[in-house]
Amino acid sequence: MDPRILDLCREPPHFAYEAYDFVCDAVTFTQERLGRAEPDDEEEPVDHHVSGAELLLGVCDLAVSTFGMMAPVVFKQWNVRTTDDVGRMVFNLIRVGRLSKSDRDTPEDFHDLFDLPRTLADGFELTIEDRPSMKRSDR
C-alpha cells in the first residue's frame, strides 16, 4: 500500500484507498488507450498528458469493464459520486506526488461534466423479462 494514498484517505472528503488506486490505474488505462503510454524506446518523446474529460471517460470505461453493472454501487461505496469527486482525487494525488499535471490542468476541468452514476449505469438495464420466471407453486 502506498503511504501517500493512505494519508489522503484520512483527509476529508474521505475517499476509499481503492478509489485512489483505481484513479491511478485509470490514468494508465487512458494513456494506453490514447497511445500516450511510455514508449518502448526513449528516442521519440510522447506527450503522456490526458485531459480531465479524457480521464473521466477512461475512468468510466475501466469501471464498467472491471465492475460491470455494479460500477455505480462500487463508486458509491468509495464515496465517489460526481465528476468533481474524481477531480478532487486527481488533484490530491498530484499534491502528494503520485500523479503529475501540466500547467493547463485545473480542478475545473472535472467540474460537473456529466452525471457519473448515470454514465456508469448506461447500457445496463434490468427488465422484468430478466428475472427468472416463478411458478405460482414456487412463491
N, C-alpha and C. Protein backbone atom coordinates (compact mmCIF):
# COMPACT_ATOMS: atom_id res chain seq x y z
N MET A 1 0.84 -1.18 0.00
CA MET A 1 0.00 0.00 0.00
C MET A 1 0.88 1.25 0.00
N ASP A 2 0.48 2.21 -0.75
CA ASP A 2 1.22 3.45 -0.87
C ASP A 2 0.88 4.36 0.32
N PRO A 3 1.88 4.72 1.15
CA PRO A 3 1.60 5.54 2.32
C PRO A 3 1.05 6.93 1.97
N ARG A 4 1.40 7.43 0.78
CA ARG A 4 0.87 8.73 0.36
C ARG A 4 -0.64 8.65 0.18
N ILE A 5 -1.10 7.55 -0.39
CA ILE A 5 -2.54 7.37 -0.59
C ILE A 5 -3.22 7.12 0.75
N LEU A 6 -2.59 6.35 1.61
CA LEU A 6 -3.17 6.12 2.95
C LEU A 6 -3.39 7.44 3.67
N ASP A 7 -2.44 8.36 3.58
CA ASP A 7 -2.61 9.66 4.22
C ASP A 7 -3.78 10.42 3.62
N LEU A 8 -3.96 10.33 2.29
CA LEU A 8 -5.09 11.01 1.64
C LEU A 8 -6.43 10.48 2.14
N CYS A 9 -6.48 9.20 2.43
CA CYS A 9 -7.74 8.58 2.88
C CYS A 9 -8.19 9.11 4.24
N ARG A 10 -7.28 9.71 4.96
CA ARG A 10 -7.61 10.26 6.28
C ARG A 10 -8.13 11.70 6.18
N GLU A 11 -8.01 12.32 5.00
CA GLU A 11 -8.42 13.70 4.81
C GLU A 11 -9.86 13.75 4.28
N PRO A 12 -10.64 14.73 4.75
CA PRO A 12 -11.97 14.89 4.16
C PRO A 12 -11.86 15.55 2.78
N PRO A 13 -12.74 15.26 1.84
CA PRO A 13 -13.73 14.19 1.94
C PRO A 13 -13.03 12.83 1.87
N HIS A 14 -13.57 11.89 2.57
CA HIS A 14 -12.93 10.59 2.72
C HIS A 14 -13.29 9.67 1.55
N PHE A 15 -12.32 9.50 0.66
CA PHE A 15 -12.47 8.56 -0.43
C PHE A 15 -11.71 7.29 -0.06
N ALA A 16 -12.20 6.17 -0.51
CA ALA A 16 -11.57 4.88 -0.20
C ALA A 16 -10.20 4.78 -0.87
N TYR A 17 -9.31 4.05 -0.22
CA TYR A 17 -7.98 3.79 -0.79
C TYR A 17 -8.13 3.20 -2.19
N GLU A 18 -9.05 2.27 -2.33
CA GLU A 18 -9.27 1.60 -3.62
C GLU A 18 -9.68 2.60 -4.70
N ALA A 19 -10.39 3.65 -4.32
CA ALA A 19 -10.80 4.67 -5.28
C ALA A 19 -9.58 5.42 -5.81
N TYR A 20 -8.69 5.81 -4.90
CA TYR A 20 -7.46 6.48 -5.33
C TYR A 20 -6.62 5.56 -6.21
N ASP A 21 -6.49 4.32 -5.80
CA ASP A 21 -5.71 3.35 -6.58
C ASP A 21 -6.34 3.15 -7.96
N PHE A 22 -7.66 3.11 -8.01
CA PHE A 22 -8.37 2.94 -9.27
C PHE A 22 -8.11 4.13 -10.20
N VAL A 23 -8.12 5.35 -9.65
CA VAL A 23 -7.87 6.53 -10.48
C VAL A 23 -6.46 6.45 -11.08
N CYS A 24 -5.49 6.00 -10.30
CA CYS A 24 -4.13 5.83 -10.84
C CYS A 24 -4.13 4.82 -11.99
N ASP A 25 -4.84 3.72 -11.79
CA ASP A 25 -4.95 2.71 -12.86
C ASP A 25 -5.66 3.29 -14.08
N ALA A 26 -6.67 4.12 -13.84
CA ALA A 26 -7.43 4.71 -14.94
C ALA A 26 -6.58 5.68 -15.75
N VAL A 27 -5.63 6.36 -15.10
CA VAL A 27 -4.72 7.24 -15.84
C VAL A 27 -3.90 6.40 -16.82
N THR A 28 -3.32 5.31 -16.33
CA THR A 28 -2.53 4.43 -17.19
C THR A 28 -3.39 3.84 -18.30
N PHE A 29 -4.57 3.37 -17.95
CA PHE A 29 -5.52 2.81 -18.92
C PHE A 29 -5.83 3.82 -20.02
N THR A 30 -6.11 5.05 -19.63
CA THR A 30 -6.46 6.10 -20.59
C THR A 30 -5.26 6.47 -21.46
N GLN A 31 -4.09 6.58 -20.87
CA GLN A 31 -2.89 6.88 -21.65
C GLN A 31 -2.64 5.79 -22.69
N GLU A 32 -2.77 4.54 -22.28
CA GLU A 32 -2.55 3.43 -23.22
C GLU A 32 -3.58 3.45 -24.33
N ARG A 33 -4.83 3.67 -23.98
CA ARG A 33 -5.89 3.68 -24.98
C ARG A 33 -5.72 4.81 -25.99
N LEU A 34 -5.18 5.93 -25.53
CA LEU A 34 -4.98 7.08 -26.41
C LEU A 34 -3.60 7.09 -27.07
N GLY A 35 -2.80 6.04 -26.83
CA GLY A 35 -1.47 5.97 -27.42
C GLY A 35 -0.47 6.92 -26.78
N ARG A 36 -0.67 7.21 -25.50
CA ARG A 36 0.21 8.15 -24.80
C ARG A 36 0.97 7.50 -23.65
N ALA A 37 1.10 6.19 -23.72
CA ALA A 37 1.84 5.46 -22.67
C ALA A 37 3.33 5.58 -22.93
N GLU A 38 4.11 5.09 -21.98
CA GLU A 38 5.57 5.10 -22.11
C GLU A 38 5.97 4.33 -23.36
N PRO A 39 6.81 4.93 -24.22
CA PRO A 39 7.26 4.21 -25.42
C PRO A 39 8.31 3.15 -25.05
N ASP A 40 8.42 2.15 -25.92
CA ASP A 40 9.43 1.11 -25.71
C ASP A 40 10.84 1.68 -25.85
N ASP A 41 11.00 2.61 -26.79
CA ASP A 41 12.31 3.25 -26.93
C ASP A 41 12.16 4.73 -26.56
N GLU A 42 13.15 5.27 -25.97
CA GLU A 42 13.10 6.64 -25.47
C GLU A 42 13.43 7.67 -26.56
N GLU A 43 13.61 7.23 -27.81
CA GLU A 43 14.03 8.15 -28.87
C GLU A 43 12.93 9.14 -29.25
N GLU A 44 11.68 8.69 -29.26
CA GLU A 44 10.60 9.57 -29.65
C GLU A 44 9.86 10.07 -28.41
N PRO A 45 9.87 11.38 -28.16
CA PRO A 45 9.14 11.89 -27.00
C PRO A 45 7.63 11.77 -27.21
N VAL A 46 6.94 11.39 -26.17
CA VAL A 46 5.49 11.21 -26.22
C VAL A 46 4.87 12.11 -25.17
N ASP A 47 3.82 12.82 -25.56
CA ASP A 47 3.07 13.62 -24.61
C ASP A 47 2.13 12.66 -23.87
N HIS A 48 2.39 12.45 -22.59
CA HIS A 48 1.62 11.49 -21.80
C HIS A 48 0.35 12.10 -21.23
N HIS A 49 0.19 13.41 -21.37
CA HIS A 49 -0.91 14.12 -20.73
C HIS A 49 -2.27 13.66 -21.25
N VAL A 50 -3.21 13.52 -20.32
CA VAL A 50 -4.62 13.30 -20.67
C VAL A 50 -5.42 14.42 -20.00
N SER A 51 -6.41 14.90 -20.69
CA SER A 51 -7.24 15.97 -20.14
C SER A 51 -8.20 15.41 -19.09
N GLY A 52 -8.82 16.29 -18.35
CA GLY A 52 -9.81 15.87 -17.37
C GLY A 52 -10.95 15.09 -18.01
N ALA A 53 -11.44 15.60 -19.14
CA ALA A 53 -12.54 14.91 -19.83
C ALA A 53 -12.11 13.54 -20.34
N GLU A 54 -10.90 13.45 -20.90
CA GLU A 54 -10.41 12.16 -21.38
C GLU A 54 -10.26 11.18 -20.22
N LEU A 55 -9.74 11.66 -19.10
CA LEU A 55 -9.58 10.79 -17.94
C LEU A 55 -10.92 10.33 -17.40
N LEU A 56 -11.90 11.22 -17.33
CA LEU A 56 -13.22 10.82 -16.83
C LEU A 56 -13.84 9.73 -17.70
N LEU A 57 -13.69 9.84 -19.01
CA LEU A 57 -14.21 8.79 -19.89
C LEU A 57 -13.45 7.49 -19.66
N GLY A 58 -12.13 7.59 -19.48
CA GLY A 58 -11.34 6.40 -19.17
C GLY A 58 -11.74 5.77 -17.85
N VAL A 59 -12.00 6.60 -16.84
CA VAL A 59 -12.46 6.11 -15.54
C VAL A 59 -13.75 5.31 -15.72
N CYS A 60 -14.69 5.87 -16.46
CA CYS A 60 -15.98 5.19 -16.66
C CYS A 60 -15.82 3.90 -17.45
N ASP A 61 -15.04 3.93 -18.52
CA ASP A 61 -14.85 2.73 -19.33
C ASP A 61 -14.16 1.62 -18.53
N LEU A 62 -13.13 1.99 -17.77
CA LEU A 62 -12.44 0.99 -16.96
C LEU A 62 -13.35 0.46 -15.86
N ALA A 63 -14.14 1.32 -15.26
CA ALA A 63 -15.06 0.89 -14.20
C ALA A 63 -16.09 -0.10 -14.74
N VAL A 64 -16.66 0.21 -15.88
CA VAL A 64 -17.67 -0.68 -16.45
C VAL A 64 -17.05 -2.01 -16.86
N SER A 65 -15.84 -1.96 -17.44
CA SER A 65 -15.22 -3.23 -17.83
C SER A 65 -14.75 -4.03 -16.62
N THR A 66 -14.43 -3.35 -15.53
CA THR A 66 -13.97 -4.05 -14.33
C THR A 66 -15.12 -4.52 -13.45
N PHE A 67 -16.10 -3.65 -13.23
CA PHE A 67 -17.17 -3.94 -12.26
C PHE A 67 -18.52 -4.23 -12.90
N GLY A 68 -18.64 -4.03 -14.21
CA GLY A 68 -19.90 -4.28 -14.88
C GLY A 68 -21.01 -3.43 -14.31
N MET A 69 -22.17 -4.03 -14.18
CA MET A 69 -23.33 -3.27 -13.71
C MET A 69 -23.22 -2.85 -12.25
N MET A 70 -22.21 -3.34 -11.55
CA MET A 70 -22.00 -2.94 -10.16
C MET A 70 -21.17 -1.67 -10.04
N ALA A 71 -20.69 -1.11 -11.15
CA ALA A 71 -19.83 0.07 -11.11
C ALA A 71 -20.44 1.23 -10.31
N PRO A 72 -21.71 1.58 -10.52
CA PRO A 72 -22.27 2.68 -9.72
C PRO A 72 -22.28 2.37 -8.22
N VAL A 73 -22.51 1.13 -7.87
CA VAL A 73 -22.53 0.72 -6.46
C VAL A 73 -21.13 0.82 -5.87
N VAL A 74 -20.14 0.36 -6.61
CA VAL A 74 -18.75 0.43 -6.14
C VAL A 74 -18.35 1.88 -5.91
N PHE A 75 -18.65 2.74 -6.86
CA PHE A 75 -18.28 4.14 -6.71
C PHE A 75 -19.00 4.78 -5.52
N LYS A 76 -20.24 4.41 -5.30
CA LYS A 76 -20.97 4.94 -4.14
C LYS A 76 -20.31 4.46 -2.85
N GLN A 77 -19.90 3.21 -2.79
CA GLN A 77 -19.20 2.68 -1.62
C GLN A 77 -17.88 3.42 -1.38
N TRP A 78 -17.24 3.83 -2.45
CA TRP A 78 -15.98 4.57 -2.35
C TRP A 78 -16.20 6.04 -2.03
N ASN A 79 -17.46 6.49 -1.99
CA ASN A 79 -17.82 7.89 -1.76
C ASN A 79 -17.47 8.77 -2.97
N VAL A 80 -17.50 8.20 -4.14
CA VAL A 80 -17.22 8.92 -5.38
C VAL A 80 -18.56 9.04 -6.11
N ARG A 81 -19.13 10.24 -6.08
CA ARG A 81 -20.48 10.43 -6.59
C ARG A 81 -20.57 11.36 -7.80
N THR A 82 -19.54 12.17 -8.03
CA THR A 82 -19.60 13.15 -9.11
C THR A 82 -18.26 13.20 -9.86
N THR A 83 -18.30 13.85 -11.02
CA THR A 83 -17.04 14.05 -11.74
C THR A 83 -16.12 14.96 -10.94
N ASP A 84 -16.68 15.86 -10.15
CA ASP A 84 -15.86 16.72 -9.28
C ASP A 84 -15.10 15.89 -8.25
N ASP A 85 -15.72 14.81 -7.75
CA ASP A 85 -15.03 13.94 -6.79
C ASP A 85 -13.80 13.30 -7.44
N VAL A 86 -13.94 12.88 -8.69
CA VAL A 86 -12.78 12.32 -9.41
C VAL A 86 -11.70 13.39 -9.52
N GLY A 87 -12.08 14.61 -9.86
CA GLY A 87 -11.12 15.71 -9.94
C GLY A 87 -10.43 15.98 -8.62
N ARG A 88 -11.19 15.93 -7.51
CA ARG A 88 -10.58 16.12 -6.19
C ARG A 88 -9.54 15.05 -5.92
N MET A 89 -9.87 13.81 -6.27
CA MET A 89 -8.90 12.73 -6.07
C MET A 89 -7.67 12.94 -6.93
N VAL A 90 -7.85 13.32 -8.18
CA VAL A 90 -6.73 13.55 -9.08
C VAL A 90 -5.81 14.63 -8.50
N PHE A 91 -6.38 15.73 -8.06
CA PHE A 91 -5.55 16.82 -7.55
C PHE A 91 -4.95 16.50 -6.18
N ASN A 92 -5.61 15.66 -5.40
CA ASN A 92 -4.98 15.16 -4.17
C ASN A 92 -3.78 14.28 -4.51
N LEU A 93 -3.93 13.43 -5.52
CA LEU A 93 -2.83 12.56 -5.94
C LEU A 93 -1.68 13.38 -6.53
N ILE A 94 -1.98 14.46 -7.19
CA ILE A 94 -0.95 15.37 -7.70
C ILE A 94 -0.22 16.01 -6.52
N ARG A 95 -0.98 16.47 -5.55
CA ARG A 95 -0.40 17.16 -4.38
C ARG A 95 0.61 16.29 -3.64
N VAL A 96 0.34 14.97 -3.55
CA VAL A 96 1.25 14.08 -2.82
C VAL A 96 2.30 13.44 -3.73
N GLY A 97 2.34 13.84 -5.00
CA GLY A 97 3.37 13.36 -5.91
C GLY A 97 3.11 12.02 -6.55
N ARG A 98 1.89 11.53 -6.46
CA ARG A 98 1.56 10.24 -7.09
C ARG A 98 1.22 10.40 -8.57
N LEU A 99 0.64 11.55 -8.94
CA LEU A 99 0.37 11.89 -10.33
C LEU A 99 1.03 13.24 -10.62
N SER A 100 1.14 13.57 -11.89
CA SER A 100 1.69 14.88 -12.26
C SER A 100 0.66 15.61 -13.12
N LYS A 101 0.89 16.91 -13.29
CA LYS A 101 -0.04 17.70 -14.08
C LYS A 101 0.74 18.66 -14.96
N SER A 102 0.02 19.19 -15.94
CA SER A 102 0.60 20.24 -16.78
C SER A 102 0.12 21.59 -16.24
N ASP A 103 0.69 22.65 -16.76
CA ASP A 103 0.29 24.00 -16.33
C ASP A 103 -1.16 24.32 -16.68
N ARG A 104 -1.68 23.64 -17.66
CA ARG A 104 -3.05 23.93 -18.11
C ARG A 104 -4.12 23.14 -17.34
N ASP A 105 -3.74 22.23 -16.46
CA ASP A 105 -4.71 21.44 -15.71
C ASP A 105 -5.25 22.20 -14.50
N THR A 106 -6.57 22.14 -14.34
CA THR A 106 -7.21 22.76 -13.18
C THR A 106 -8.32 21.85 -12.67
N PRO A 107 -8.71 22.00 -11.42
CA PRO A 107 -9.85 21.21 -10.90
C PRO A 107 -11.14 21.46 -11.69
N GLU A 108 -11.27 22.63 -12.28
CA GLU A 108 -12.47 22.95 -13.06
C GLU A 108 -12.62 22.06 -14.28
N ASP A 109 -11.52 21.42 -14.71
CA ASP A 109 -11.58 20.50 -15.85
C ASP A 109 -12.51 19.33 -15.57
N PHE A 110 -12.80 19.08 -14.29
CA PHE A 110 -13.63 17.95 -13.89
C PHE A 110 -15.02 18.39 -13.42
N HIS A 111 -15.27 19.69 -13.42
CA HIS A 111 -16.49 20.21 -12.81
C HIS A 111 -17.76 19.85 -13.59
N ASP A 112 -18.57 19.03 -12.96
CA ASP A 112 -19.93 18.74 -13.42
C ASP A 112 -20.01 18.45 -14.93
N LEU A 113 -19.10 17.59 -15.42
CA LEU A 113 -19.10 17.29 -16.86
C LEU A 113 -20.25 16.39 -17.27
N PHE A 114 -20.65 15.49 -16.39
CA PHE A 114 -21.79 14.61 -16.67
C PHE A 114 -22.22 13.95 -15.38
N ASP A 115 -23.34 13.27 -15.42
CA ASP A 115 -23.87 12.54 -14.26
C ASP A 115 -23.10 11.22 -14.15
N LEU A 116 -22.18 11.15 -13.20
CA LEU A 116 -21.31 9.99 -13.08
C LEU A 116 -22.06 8.69 -12.84
N PRO A 117 -22.97 8.60 -11.85
CA PRO A 117 -23.68 7.33 -11.66
C PRO A 117 -24.47 6.90 -12.90
N ARG A 118 -25.10 7.85 -13.56
CA ARG A 118 -25.88 7.51 -14.76
C ARG A 118 -24.97 6.99 -15.87
N THR A 119 -23.83 7.62 -16.06
CA THR A 119 -22.89 7.18 -17.09
C THR A 119 -22.36 5.79 -16.77
N LEU A 120 -22.08 5.52 -15.50
CA LEU A 120 -21.60 4.18 -15.11
C LEU A 120 -22.68 3.12 -15.34
N ALA A 121 -23.94 3.52 -15.24
CA ALA A 121 -25.05 2.56 -15.39
C ALA A 121 -25.52 2.44 -16.84
N ASP A 122 -25.12 3.38 -17.71
CA ASP A 122 -25.57 3.33 -19.10
C ASP A 122 -25.26 1.98 -19.73
N GLY A 123 -26.20 1.48 -20.46
CA GLY A 123 -26.01 0.21 -21.15
C GLY A 123 -26.46 -0.99 -20.33
N PHE A 124 -26.76 -0.75 -19.06
CA PHE A 124 -27.25 -1.83 -18.21
C PHE A 124 -28.68 -1.51 -17.83
N GLU A 125 -29.57 -2.39 -18.22
CA GLU A 125 -30.97 -2.17 -17.88
C GLU A 125 -31.58 -3.52 -17.54
N LEU A 126 -32.10 -3.60 -16.34
CA LEU A 126 -32.80 -4.82 -15.94
C LEU A 126 -34.28 -4.62 -16.20
N THR A 127 -34.89 -5.62 -16.77
CA THR A 127 -36.32 -5.56 -17.01
C THR A 127 -36.97 -6.78 -16.37
N ILE A 128 -38.25 -6.78 -16.32
CA ILE A 128 -38.99 -7.88 -15.72
C ILE A 128 -38.69 -9.19 -16.44
N GLU A 129 -38.37 -9.11 -17.74
CA GLU A 129 -38.05 -10.32 -18.50
C GLU A 129 -36.71 -10.92 -18.07
N ASP A 130 -35.87 -10.13 -17.41
CA ASP A 130 -34.56 -10.62 -16.97
C ASP A 130 -34.66 -11.50 -15.73
N ARG A 131 -35.77 -11.40 -15.03
CA ARG A 131 -35.94 -12.19 -13.81
C ARG A 131 -36.37 -13.60 -14.18
N PRO A 132 -35.91 -14.59 -13.42
CA PRO A 132 -36.37 -15.95 -13.69
C PRO A 132 -37.87 -16.03 -13.40
N SER A 133 -38.55 -16.79 -14.23
CA SER A 133 -39.99 -16.91 -14.01
C SER A 133 -40.25 -17.83 -12.81
N MET A 134 -41.26 -17.47 -12.06
CA MET A 134 -41.62 -18.27 -10.88
C MET A 134 -43.03 -18.80 -11.10
N LYS A 135 -43.18 -20.06 -10.85
CA LYS A 135 -44.49 -20.66 -10.93
C LYS A 135 -45.24 -20.29 -9.65
N ARG A 136 -46.51 -20.31 -9.71
CA ARG A 136 -47.36 -19.96 -8.57
C ARG A 136 -47.00 -20.84 -7.38
N SER A 137 -46.67 -22.09 -7.61
CA SER A 137 -46.35 -23.00 -6.51
C SER A 137 -44.98 -22.69 -5.89
N ASP A 138 -44.12 -21.93 -6.61
CA ASP A 138 -42.79 -21.59 -6.09
C ASP A 138 -42.83 -20.42 -5.12
N ARG A 139 -43.92 -19.69 -5.05
CA ARG A 139 -43.98 -18.47 -4.22
C ARG A 139 -44.19 -18.77 -2.79
